[in-house]
């Protein structure tokens, strides 16, 4: 996400999907917020079990804002090996969370 290397984009996207799901499911703001918090915490717990972090810099292990970091990313196929795995895992975690809360 803009090479800020903070929260992983796959994680942020998952949070957004969970938020949209809860907004559509519950008309009451308190229910939306409470259920969103529960699902986000459960998502995060499961993502951490797989990846030990939700932060981009820790997940990929380099600084994308440097030439060395870019070379490392390309040489080690970070996008294919790590980023794609985070996206797939995020989808696989979110899907049952939403399906089970319908």
Protein backbone atom coordinates (compact mmCIF):
# COMPACT_ATOMS: atom_id res chain seq x y z
CA UNK A 1 0.00 0.00 0.00
CA UNK A 2 1.99 2.90 -1.31
CA UNK A 3 5.26 1.40 -0.05
CA UNK A 4 4.48 2.62 3.46
CA UNK A 5 5.14 -0.94 4.64
CA UNK A 6 2.69 -0.71 7.51
CA UNK A 7 -0.34 -3.02 7.64
CA UNK A 8 -0.31 -5.56 4.80
CA UNK A 9 -2.67 -4.63 1.97
CA UNK A 10 -4.24 -8.09 2.05
CA UNK A 11 -5.06 -7.59 5.74
CA UNK A 12 -6.44 -4.11 5.12
CA UNK A 13 -8.57 -5.44 2.27
CA UNK A 14 -9.91 -8.21 4.52
CA UNK A 15 -10.85 -5.65 7.18
CA UNK A 16 -12.71 -3.64 4.54
CA UNK A 17 -14.64 -6.71 3.35
CA UNK A 18 -15.58 -7.58 6.93
CA UNK A 19 -16.72 -4.01 7.53
CA UNK A 20 -18.90 -3.98 4.41
CA UNK A 21 -20.36 -7.35 5.38
CA UNK A 22 -21.31 -6.13 8.84
CA UNK A 23 -22.76 -2.85 7.54
CA UNK A 24 -25.00 -4.76 5.15
CA UNK A 25 -25.97 -7.36 7.76
CA UNK A 26 -26.78 -5.04 10.67
CA UNK A 27 -28.81 -1.84 10.52
CA UNK A 28 -27.79 -0.88 14.04
CA UNK A 29 -24.43 0.92 14.29
CA UNK A 30 -23.55 -0.70 17.64
CA UNK A 31 -24.18 -4.18 16.21
CA UNK A 32 -22.09 -3.31 13.14
CA UNK A 33 -19.21 -2.11 15.30
CA UNK A 34 -19.38 -4.96 17.81
CA UNK A 35 -19.53 -7.66 15.14
CA UNK A 36 -16.87 -5.99 13.04
CA UNK A 37 -14.53 -5.94 16.02
CA UNK A 38 -15.16 -9.65 16.68
CA UNK A 39 -14.52 -10.67 13.07
CA UNK A 40 -11.44 -8.46 12.68
CA UNK A 41 -9.93 -9.89 15.85
CA UNK A 42 -10.65 -13.44 14.72
CA UNK A 43 -9.23 -12.73 11.25
CA UNK A 44 -6.09 -11.24 12.80
CA UNK A 45 -5.64 -14.20 15.15
CA UNK A 46 -5.82 -16.63 12.23
CA UNK A 47 -3.59 -14.54 9.94
CA UNK A 48 -0.97 -14.25 12.69
CA UNK A 49 -0.96 -18.03 13.12
CA UNK A 50 0.05 -18.34 9.47
CA UNK A 51 2.37 -15.34 9.10
CA UNK A 52 3.44 -14.13 12.59
CA UNK A 53 2.79 -10.53 11.58
CA UNK A 54 0.31 -8.26 9.82
CA UNK A 55 2.97 -5.67 8.93
CA UNK A 56 4.34 -5.56 5.41
CA UNK A 57 7.93 -4.81 6.39
CA UNK A 58 8.03 -7.81 8.71
CA UNK A 59 6.28 -10.08 6.21
CA UNK A 60 8.60 -9.34 3.29
CA UNK A 61 11.79 -8.65 5.21
CA UNK A 62 13.09 -5.71 3.20
CA UNK A 63 12.65 -1.99 2.63
CA UNK A 64 10.78 -1.47 -0.62
CA UNK A 65 11.87 2.18 -0.73
CA UNK A 66 15.51 1.38 -1.41
CA UNK A 67 17.29 0.06 -4.48
CA UNK A 68 18.58 -2.85 -2.38
CA UNK A 69 15.05 -3.63 -1.23
CA UNK A 70 13.75 -3.56 -4.79
CA UNK A 71 16.58 -5.83 -5.94
CA UNK A 72 15.89 -8.22 -3.03
CA UNK A 73 12.18 -8.25 -3.89
CA UNK A 74 12.83 -9.08 -7.51
CA UNK A 75 15.59 -11.64 -6.85
CA UNK A 76 13.56 -13.46 -4.19
CA UNK A 77 10.22 -13.19 -6.00
CA UNK A 78 8.70 -11.61 -2.89
CA UNK A 79 5.44 -10.64 -4.61
CA UNK A 80 4.86 -14.16 -5.87
CA UNK A 81 6.19 -16.00 -2.82
CA UNK A 82 4.93 -13.81 0.02
CA UNK A 83 2.40 -11.21 -1.16
CA UNK A 84 0.31 -13.63 -3.20
CA UNK A 85 0.31 -16.09 -0.29
CA UNK A 86 -0.92 -13.34 2.07
CA UNK A 87 -3.73 -12.47 -0.35
CA UNK A 88 -4.80 -16.09 -0.76
CA UNK A 89 -4.65 -16.70 2.98
CA UNK A 90 -6.66 -13.54 3.66
CA UNK A 91 -9.39 -14.72 1.29
CA UNK A 92 -9.38 -18.20 2.81
CA UNK A 93 -9.74 -16.73 6.30
CA UNK A 94 -12.42 -14.15 5.42
CA UNK A 95 -14.67 -16.47 3.45
CA UNK A 96 -15.70 -18.75 6.34
CA UNK A 97 -15.92 -15.81 8.74
CA UNK A 98 -18.51 -14.21 6.49
CA UNK A 99 -20.25 -17.46 5.62
CA UNK A 100 -20.59 -18.44 9.27
CA UNK A 101 -21.97 -15.05 10.31
CA UNK A 102 -24.82 -14.82 7.77
